[in-house]
Full PDB file with SEQRES, HELIX, SHEET, SSBOND, CRYST1, ORIGX, SCALE, CONECT and MASTER records, all heavy atoms in Angstrom:
SEQRES   1 A   30  GLY THR THR SER ASN TYR ALA ASP SER VAL LYS GLY ARG          
SEQRES   2 A   30  PHE THR ILE SER ARG ASP SER ALA LYS ASN THR VAL SER          
SEQRES   3 A   30  LEU SER MET ASN                                              
SHEET    1 AA1 2 PHE A  14  ASP A  19  0                                        
SHEET    2 AA1 2 THR A  24  MET A  29 -1                                        
CRYST1    1.000    1.000    1.000  90.00  90.00  90.00 P 1           1          
ORIGX1      1.000000  0.000000  0.000000        0.00000                         
ORIGX2      0.000000  1.000000  0.000000        0.00000                         
ORIGX3      0.000000  0.000000  1.000000        0.00000                         
SCALE1      1.000000  0.000000  0.000000        0.00000                         
SCALE2      0.000000  1.000000  0.000000        0.00000                         
SCALE3      0.000000  0.000000  1.000000        0.00000                         
ATOM      1  N   GLY A   1       8.076  -4.661   3.732  1.00  0.00           N  
ATOM      2  CA  GLY A   1       7.595  -3.480   3.032  1.00  0.00           C  
ATOM      3  C   GLY A   1       8.155  -3.258   1.650  1.00  0.00           C  
ATOM      4  O   GLY A   1       7.808  -2.276   0.983  1.00  0.00           O  
ATOM      5  N   THR A   2       9.009  -4.164   1.172  1.00  0.00           N  
ATOM      6  CA  THR A   2       9.647  -3.936  -0.129  1.00  0.00           C  
ATOM      7  C   THR A   2       8.850  -4.493  -1.287  1.00  0.00           C  
ATOM      8  O   THR A   2       9.087  -4.129  -2.438  1.00  0.00           O  
ATOM      9  CB  THR A   2      11.051  -4.564  -0.163  1.00  0.00           C  
ATOM     10  OG1 THR A   2      10.940  -5.980   0.006  1.00  0.00           O  
ATOM     11  CG2 THR A   2      11.935  -3.980   0.923  1.00  0.00           C  
ATOM     12  N   THR A   3       7.921  -5.399  -1.004  1.00  0.00           N  
ATOM     13  CA  THR A   3       7.133  -6.026  -2.054  1.00  0.00           C  
ATOM     14  C   THR A   3       5.665  -5.715  -1.839  1.00  0.00           C  
ATOM     15  O   THR A   3       5.152  -5.855  -0.725  1.00  0.00           O  
ATOM     16  CB  THR A   3       7.340  -7.546  -2.056  1.00  0.00           C  
ATOM     17  OG1 THR A   3       8.730  -7.833  -2.210  1.00  0.00           O  
ATOM     18  CG2 THR A   3       6.559  -8.191  -3.201  1.00  0.00           C  
ATOM     19  N   SER A   4       5.001  -5.289  -2.898  1.00  0.00           N  
ATOM     20  CA  SER A   4       3.562  -5.032  -2.826  1.00  0.00           C  
ATOM     21  C   SER A   4       2.873  -5.617  -4.040  1.00  0.00           C  
ATOM     22  O   SER A   4       3.494  -5.860  -5.074  1.00  0.00           O  
ATOM     23  CB  SER A   4       3.288  -3.530  -2.723  1.00  0.00           C  
ATOM     24  OG  SER A   4       3.880  -2.829  -3.790  1.00  0.00           O  
ATOM     25  N   ASN A   5       1.599  -5.838  -3.905  1.00  0.00           N  
ATOM     26  CA  ASN A   5       0.801  -6.486  -4.940  1.00  0.00           C  
ATOM     27  C   ASN A   5      -0.549  -5.767  -4.979  1.00  0.00           C  
ATOM     28  O   ASN A   5      -1.111  -5.451  -3.920  1.00  0.00           O  
ATOM     29  CB  ASN A   5       0.637  -7.973  -4.593  1.00  0.00           C  
ATOM     30  CG  ASN A   5      -0.077  -8.746  -5.659  1.00  0.00           C  
ATOM     31  OD1 ASN A   5      -0.081  -8.371  -6.819  1.00  0.00           O  
ATOM     32  ND2 ASN A   5      -0.682  -9.859  -5.264  1.00  0.00           N  
ATOM     33  N   TYR A   6      -1.068  -5.510  -6.181  1.00  0.00           N  
ATOM     34  CA  TYR A   6      -2.301  -4.750  -6.317  1.00  0.00           C  
ATOM     35  C   TYR A   6      -3.292  -5.445  -7.246  1.00  0.00           C  
ATOM     36  O   TYR A   6      -2.904  -6.122  -8.203  1.00  0.00           O  
ATOM     37  CB  TYR A   6      -2.005  -3.363  -6.898  1.00  0.00           C  
ATOM     38  CG  TYR A   6      -1.143  -2.503  -6.013  1.00  0.00           C  
ATOM     39  CD1 TYR A   6       0.240  -2.496  -6.153  1.00  0.00           C  
ATOM     40  CD2 TYR A   6      -1.712  -1.693  -5.033  1.00  0.00           C  
ATOM     41  CE1 TYR A   6       1.038  -1.714  -5.334  1.00  0.00           C  
ATOM     42  CE2 TYR A   6      -0.923  -0.899  -4.214  1.00  0.00           C  
ATOM     43  CZ  TYR A   6       0.445  -0.922  -4.370  1.00  0.00           C  
ATOM     44  OH  TYR A   6       1.231  -0.141  -3.556  1.00  0.00           O  
ATOM     45  N   ALA A   7      -4.549  -5.234  -6.973  1.00  0.00           N  
ATOM     46  CA  ALA A   7      -5.587  -5.642  -7.919  1.00  0.00           C  
ATOM     47  C   ALA A   7      -5.456  -4.783  -9.172  1.00  0.00           C  
ATOM     48  O   ALA A   7      -5.083  -3.604  -9.094  1.00  0.00           O  
ATOM     49  CB  ALA A   7      -6.966  -5.461  -7.308  1.00  0.00           C  
ATOM     50  N   ASP A   8      -5.754  -5.355 -10.311  1.00  0.00           N  
ATOM     51  CA  ASP A   8      -5.644  -4.611 -11.570  1.00  0.00           C  
ATOM     52  C   ASP A   8      -6.493  -3.348 -11.555  1.00  0.00           C  
ATOM     53  O   ASP A   8      -6.117  -2.331 -12.144  1.00  0.00           O  
ATOM     54  CB  ASP A   8      -6.057  -5.494 -12.742  1.00  0.00           C  
ATOM     55  CG  ASP A   8      -5.037  -6.574 -13.050  1.00  0.00           C  
ATOM     56  OD1 ASP A   8      -3.882  -6.450 -12.595  1.00  0.00           O  
ATOM     57  OD2 ASP A   8      -5.396  -7.540 -13.736  1.00  0.00           O  
ATOM     58  N   SER A   9      -7.613  -3.409 -10.872  1.00  0.00           N  
ATOM     59  CA  SER A   9      -8.548  -2.280 -10.873  1.00  0.00           C  
ATOM     60  C   SER A   9      -8.017  -1.055 -10.140  1.00  0.00           C  
ATOM     61  O   SER A   9      -8.527   0.054 -10.340  1.00  0.00           O  
ATOM     62  CB  SER A   9      -9.878  -2.710 -10.258  1.00  0.00           C  
ATOM     63  OG  SER A   9      -9.680  -3.153  -8.926  1.00  0.00           O  
ATOM     64  N   VAL A  10      -7.000  -1.234  -9.292  1.00  0.00           N  
ATOM     65  CA  VAL A  10      -6.476  -0.101  -8.516  1.00  0.00           C  
ATOM     66  C   VAL A  10      -5.021   0.203  -8.844  1.00  0.00           C  
ATOM     67  O   VAL A  10      -4.472   1.194  -8.345  1.00  0.00           O  
ATOM     68  CB  VAL A  10      -6.619  -0.338  -7.004  1.00  0.00           C  
ATOM     69  CG1 VAL A  10      -8.056  -0.684  -6.648  1.00  0.00           C  
ATOM     70  CG2 VAL A  10      -5.664  -1.417  -6.508  1.00  0.00           C  
ATOM     71  N   LYS A  11      -4.418  -0.629  -9.657  1.00  0.00           N  
ATOM     72  CA  LYS A  11      -2.992  -0.465  -9.965  1.00  0.00           C  
ATOM     73  C   LYS A  11      -2.746   0.909 -10.584  1.00  0.00           C  
ATOM     74  O   LYS A  11      -3.467   1.349 -11.478  1.00  0.00           O  
ATOM     75  CB  LYS A  11      -2.566  -1.583 -10.924  1.00  0.00           C  
ATOM     76  CG  LYS A  11      -1.092  -1.901 -10.900  1.00  0.00           C  
ATOM     77  CD  LYS A  11      -0.810  -3.185 -11.687  1.00  0.00           C  
ATOM     78  CE  LYS A  11      -1.357  -4.405 -10.984  1.00  0.00           C  
ATOM     79  NZ  LYS A  11      -1.016  -5.663 -11.700  1.00  0.00           N  
ATOM     80  N   GLY A  12      -1.738   1.591 -10.076  1.00  0.00           N  
ATOM     81  CA  GLY A  12      -1.406   2.926 -10.572  1.00  0.00           C  
ATOM     82  C   GLY A  12      -2.151   4.043  -9.859  1.00  0.00           C  
ATOM     83  O   GLY A  12      -1.795   5.221 -10.014  1.00  0.00           O  
ATOM     84  N   ARG A  13      -3.167   3.692  -9.090  1.00  0.00           N  
ATOM     85  CA  ARG A  13      -3.948   4.712  -8.369  1.00  0.00           C  
ATOM     86  C   ARG A  13      -3.792   4.585  -6.847  1.00  0.00           C  
ATOM     87  O   ARG A  13      -3.845   5.586  -6.135  1.00  0.00           O  
ATOM     88  CB  ARG A  13      -5.437   4.595  -8.722  1.00  0.00           C  
ATOM     89  CG  ARG A  13      -5.736   4.774 -10.197  1.00  0.00           C  
ATOM     90  CD  ARG A  13      -7.236   4.826 -10.455  1.00  0.00           C  
ATOM     91  NE  ARG A  13      -7.910   3.589 -10.104  1.00  0.00           N  
ATOM     92  CZ  ARG A  13      -8.901   3.502  -9.221  1.00  0.00           C  
ATOM     93  NH1 ARG A  13      -9.342   4.591  -8.592  1.00  0.00           N  
ATOM     94  NH2 ARG A  13      -9.476   2.332  -8.972  1.00  0.00           N  
ATOM     95  N   PHE A  14      -3.632   3.360  -6.363  1.00  0.00           N  
ATOM     96  CA  PHE A  14      -3.523   3.100  -4.927  1.00  0.00           C  
ATOM     97  C   PHE A  14      -2.096   2.705  -4.582  1.00  0.00           C  
ATOM     98  O   PHE A  14      -1.406   2.062  -5.382  1.00  0.00           O  
ATOM     99  CB  PHE A  14      -4.454   1.977  -4.507  1.00  0.00           C  
ATOM    100  CG  PHE A  14      -5.924   2.283  -4.569  1.00  0.00           C  
ATOM    101  CD1 PHE A  14      -6.417   3.430  -5.184  1.00  0.00           C  
ATOM    102  CD2 PHE A  14      -6.841   1.408  -3.991  1.00  0.00           C  
ATOM    103  CE1 PHE A  14      -7.773   3.699  -5.239  1.00  0.00           C  
ATOM    104  CE2 PHE A  14      -8.206   1.660  -4.021  1.00  0.00           C  
ATOM    105  CZ  PHE A  14      -8.666   2.802  -4.654  1.00  0.00           C  
ATOM    106  N   THR A  15      -1.682   3.057  -3.368  1.00  0.00           N  
ATOM    107  CA  THR A  15      -0.362   2.673  -2.869  1.00  0.00           C  
ATOM    108  C   THR A  15      -0.491   2.184  -1.439  1.00  0.00           C  
ATOM    109  O   THR A  15      -1.024   2.896  -0.581  1.00  0.00           O  
ATOM    110  CB  THR A  15       0.614   3.853  -2.915  1.00  0.00           C  
ATOM    111  OG1 THR A  15       0.709   4.354  -4.247  1.00  0.00           O  
ATOM    112  CG2 THR A  15       1.995   3.416  -2.442  1.00  0.00           C  
ATOM    113  N   ILE A  16      -0.001   0.979  -1.201  1.00  0.00           N  
ATOM    114  CA  ILE A  16       0.011   0.417   0.152  1.00  0.00           C  
ATOM    115  C   ILE A  16       1.386   0.646   0.763  1.00  0.00           C  
ATOM    116  O   ILE A  16       2.410   0.559   0.064  1.00  0.00           O  
ATOM    117  CB  ILE A  16      -0.353  -1.082   0.138  1.00  0.00           C  
ATOM    118  CG1 ILE A  16      -0.554  -1.602   1.562  1.00  0.00           C  
ATOM    119  CG2 ILE A  16       0.666  -1.906  -0.636  1.00  0.00           C  
ATOM    120  CD1 ILE A  16      -1.132  -3.021   1.612  1.00  0.00           C  
ATOM    121  N   SER A  17       1.408   0.941   2.050  1.00  0.00           N  
ATOM    122  CA  SER A  17       2.674   1.140   2.756  1.00  0.00           C  
ATOM    123  C   SER A  17       2.501   0.687   4.194  1.00  0.00           C  
ATOM    124  O   SER A  17       1.375   0.485   4.665  1.00  0.00           O  
ATOM    125  CB  SER A  17       3.103   2.609   2.697  1.00  0.00           C  
ATOM    126  OG  SER A  17       2.125   3.441   3.302  1.00  0.00           O  
ATOM    127  N   ARG A  18       3.618   0.523   4.881  1.00  0.00           N  
ATOM    128  CA  ARG A  18       3.550   0.120   6.283  1.00  0.00           C  
ATOM    129  C   ARG A  18       4.634   0.811   7.081  1.00  0.00           C  
ATOM    130  O   ARG A  18       5.693   1.162   6.537  1.00  0.00           O  
ATOM    131  CB  ARG A  18       3.625  -1.392   6.436  1.00  0.00           C  
ATOM    132  CG  ARG A  18       4.925  -2.021   6.034  1.00  0.00           C  
ATOM    133  CD  ARG A  18       4.836  -3.546   6.045  1.00  0.00           C  
ATOM    134  NE  ARG A  18       4.477  -4.054   7.370  1.00  0.00           N  
ATOM    135  CZ  ARG A  18       4.062  -5.307   7.590  1.00  0.00           C  
ATOM    136  NH1 ARG A  18       3.935  -6.161   6.588  1.00  0.00           N  
ATOM    137  NH2 ARG A  18       3.762  -5.701   8.815  1.00  0.00           N  
ATOM    138  N   ASP A  19       4.365   0.971   8.359  1.00  0.00           N  
ATOM    139  CA  ASP A  19       5.328   1.504   9.310  1.00  0.00           C  
ATOM    140  C   ASP A  19       5.422   0.478  10.426  1.00  0.00           C  
ATOM    141  O   ASP A  19       4.578   0.434  11.316  1.00  0.00           O  
ATOM    142  CB  ASP A  19       4.858   2.860   9.830  1.00  0.00           C  
ATOM    143  CG  ASP A  19       5.880   3.533  10.722  1.00  0.00           C  
ATOM    144  OD1 ASP A  19       6.706   2.817  11.326  1.00  0.00           O  
ATOM    145  OD2 ASP A  19       5.856   4.768  10.825  1.00  0.00           O  
ATOM    146  N   SER A  20       6.437  -0.354  10.355  1.00  0.00           N  
ATOM    147  CA  SER A  20       6.561  -1.432  11.328  1.00  0.00           C  
ATOM    148  C   SER A  20       6.787  -0.907  12.732  1.00  0.00           C  
ATOM    149  O   SER A  20       6.339  -1.512  13.706  1.00  0.00           O  
ATOM    150  CB  SER A  20       7.694  -2.365  10.906  1.00  0.00           C  
ATOM    151  OG  SER A  20       7.352  -3.026   9.704  1.00  0.00           O  
ATOM    152  N   ALA A  21       7.475   0.196  12.849  1.00  0.00           N  
ATOM    153  CA  ALA A  21       7.725   0.772  14.173  1.00  0.00           C  
ATOM    154  C   ALA A  21       6.416   1.163  14.861  1.00  0.00           C  
ATOM    155  O   ALA A  21       6.288   1.076  16.080  1.00  0.00           O  
ATOM    156  CB  ALA A  21       8.645   1.977  14.059  1.00  0.00           C  
ATOM    157  N   LYS A  22       5.440   1.593  14.046  1.00  0.00           N  
ATOM    158  CA  LYS A  22       4.148   2.004  14.597  1.00  0.00           C  
ATOM    159  C   LYS A  22       3.098   0.907  14.500  1.00  0.00           C  
ATOM    160  O   LYS A  22       1.971   1.087  14.949  1.00  0.00           O  
ATOM    161  CB  LYS A  22       3.653   3.255  13.876  1.00  0.00           C  
ATOM    162  CG  LYS A  22       4.536   4.482  14.087  1.00  0.00           C  
ATOM    163  CD  LYS A  22       3.960   5.693  13.375  1.00  0.00           C  
ATOM    164  CE  LYS A  22       4.829   6.912  13.605  1.00  0.00           C  
ATOM    165  NZ  LYS A  22       4.300   8.120  12.904  1.00  0.00           N  
ATOM    166  N   ASN A  23       3.477  -0.219  13.873  1.00  0.00           N  
ATOM    167  CA  ASN A  23       2.546  -1.346  13.715  1.00  0.00           C  
ATOM    168  C   ASN A  23       1.295  -0.913  12.929  1.00  0.00           C  
ATOM    169  O   ASN A  23       0.157  -1.230  13.298  1.00  0.00           O  
ATOM    170  CB  ASN A  23       2.125  -1.901  15.085  1.00  0.00           C  
ATOM    171  CG  ASN A  23       1.967  -3.414  15.082  1.00  0.00           C  
ATOM    172  OD1 ASN A  23       2.468  -4.112  14.193  1.00  0.00           O  
ATOM    173  ND2 ASN A  23       1.261  -3.923  16.064  1.00  0.00           N  
ATOM    174  N   THR A  24       1.536  -0.171  11.849  1.00  0.00           N  
ATOM    175  CA  THR A  24       0.432   0.328  11.036  1.00  0.00           C  
ATOM    176  C   THR A  24       0.641  -0.028   9.565  1.00  0.00           C  
ATOM    177  O   THR A  24       1.764  -0.246   9.118  1.00  0.00           O  
ATOM    178  CB  THR A  24       0.285   1.852  11.150  1.00  0.00           C  
ATOM    179  OG1 THR A  24       1.492   2.479  10.700  1.00  0.00           O  
ATOM    180  CG2 THR A  24       0.012   2.275  12.579  1.00  0.00           C  
ATOM    181  N   VAL A  25      -0.462  -0.047   8.838  1.00  0.00           N  
ATOM    182  CA  VAL A  25      -0.430  -0.194   7.388  1.00  0.00           C  
ATOM    183  C   VAL A  25      -1.398   0.836   6.817  1.00  0.00           C  
ATOM    184  O   VAL A  25      -2.444   1.104   7.417  1.00  0.00           O  
ATOM    185  CB  VAL A  25      -0.783  -1.622   6.942  1.00  0.00           C  
ATOM    186  CG1 VAL A  25      -2.193  -2.005   7.345  1.00  0.00           C  
ATOM    187  CG2 VAL A  25      -0.580  -1.799   5.447  1.00  0.00           C  
ATOM    188  N   SER A  26      -1.041   1.423   5.695  1.00  0.00           N  
ATOM    189  CA  SER A  26      -1.852   2.490   5.110  1.00  0.00           C  
ATOM    190  C   SER A  26      -2.173   2.194   3.650  1.00  0.00           C  
ATOM    191  O   SER A  26      -1.479   1.397   3.010  1.00  0.00           O  
ATOM    192  CB  SER A  26      -1.117   3.831   5.210  1.00  0.00           C  
ATOM    193  OG  SER A  26      -0.879   4.173   6.557  1.00  0.00           O  
ATOM    194  N   LEU A  27      -3.184   2.869   3.165  1.00  0.00           N  
ATOM    195  CA  LEU A  27      -3.562   2.754   1.766  1.00  0.00           C  
ATOM    196  C   LEU A  27      -3.865   4.151   1.242  1.00  0.00           C  
ATOM    197  O   LEU A  27      -4.868   4.756   1.653  1.00  0.00           O  
ATOM    198  CB  LEU A  27      -4.781   1.851   1.596  1.00  0.00           C  
ATOM    199  CG  LEU A  27      -5.186   1.548   0.157  1.00  0.00           C  
ATOM    200  CD1 LEU A  27      -4.138   0.664  -0.525  1.00  0.00           C  
ATOM    201  CD2 LEU A  27      -6.558   0.866   0.103  1.00  0.00           C  
ATOM    202  N   SER A  28      -3.009   4.660   0.371  1.00  0.00           N  
ATOM    203  CA  SER A  28      -3.238   5.961  -0.263  1.00  0.00           C  
ATOM    204  C   SER A  28      -4.000   5.730  -1.554  1.00  0.00           C  
ATOM    205  O   SER A  28      -3.563   4.942  -2.400  1.00  0.00           O  
ATOM    206  CB  SER A  28      -1.904   6.646  -0.555  1.00  0.00           C  
ATOM    207  OG  SER A  28      -1.234   6.974   0.633  1.00  0.00           O  
ATOM    208  N   MET A  29      -5.109   6.421  -1.683  1.00  0.00           N  
ATOM    209  CA  MET A  29      -5.991   6.202  -2.827  1.00  0.00           C  
ATOM    210  C   MET A  29      -6.158   7.504  -3.594  1.00  0.00           C  
ATOM    211  O   MET A  29      -6.644   8.493  -3.042  1.00  0.00           O  
ATOM    212  CB  MET A  29      -7.354   5.686  -2.357  1.00  0.00           C  
ATOM    213  CG  MET A  29      -7.263   4.440  -1.490  1.00  0.00           C  
ATOM    214  SD  MET A  29      -8.874   3.769  -1.040  1.00  0.00           S  
ATOM    215  CE  MET A  29      -9.518   5.108  -0.040  1.00  0.00           C  
ATOM    216  N   ASN A  30      -5.743   7.509  -4.843  1.00  0.00           N  
ATOM    217  CA  ASN A  30      -5.851   8.679  -5.708  1.00  0.00           C  
ATOM    218  C   ASN A  30      -6.756   8.363  -6.899  1.00  0.00           C  
ATOM    219  O   ASN A  30      -7.023   7.199  -7.187  1.00  0.00           O  
ATOM    220  CB  ASN A  30      -4.472   9.101  -6.202  1.00  0.00           C  
ATOM    221  CG  ASN A  30      -3.550   9.511  -5.077  1.00  0.00           C  
ATOM    222  OD1 ASN A  30      -3.952  10.241  -4.161  1.00  0.00           O  
ATOM    223  ND2 ASN A  30      -2.315   9.047  -5.123  1.00  0.00           N  
TER     224      ASN A  30                                                      
MASTER        0    0    0    0    2    0    0    6  223    1    0    3          
END                                                                             
């Protein structure tokens, strides 16, 4: 979860995160 990579078109607007304990990944889109 310490390294993330984004498409240029979404950089600065989207944030990817994960919760390994819950086995989930999320995408916050602003």
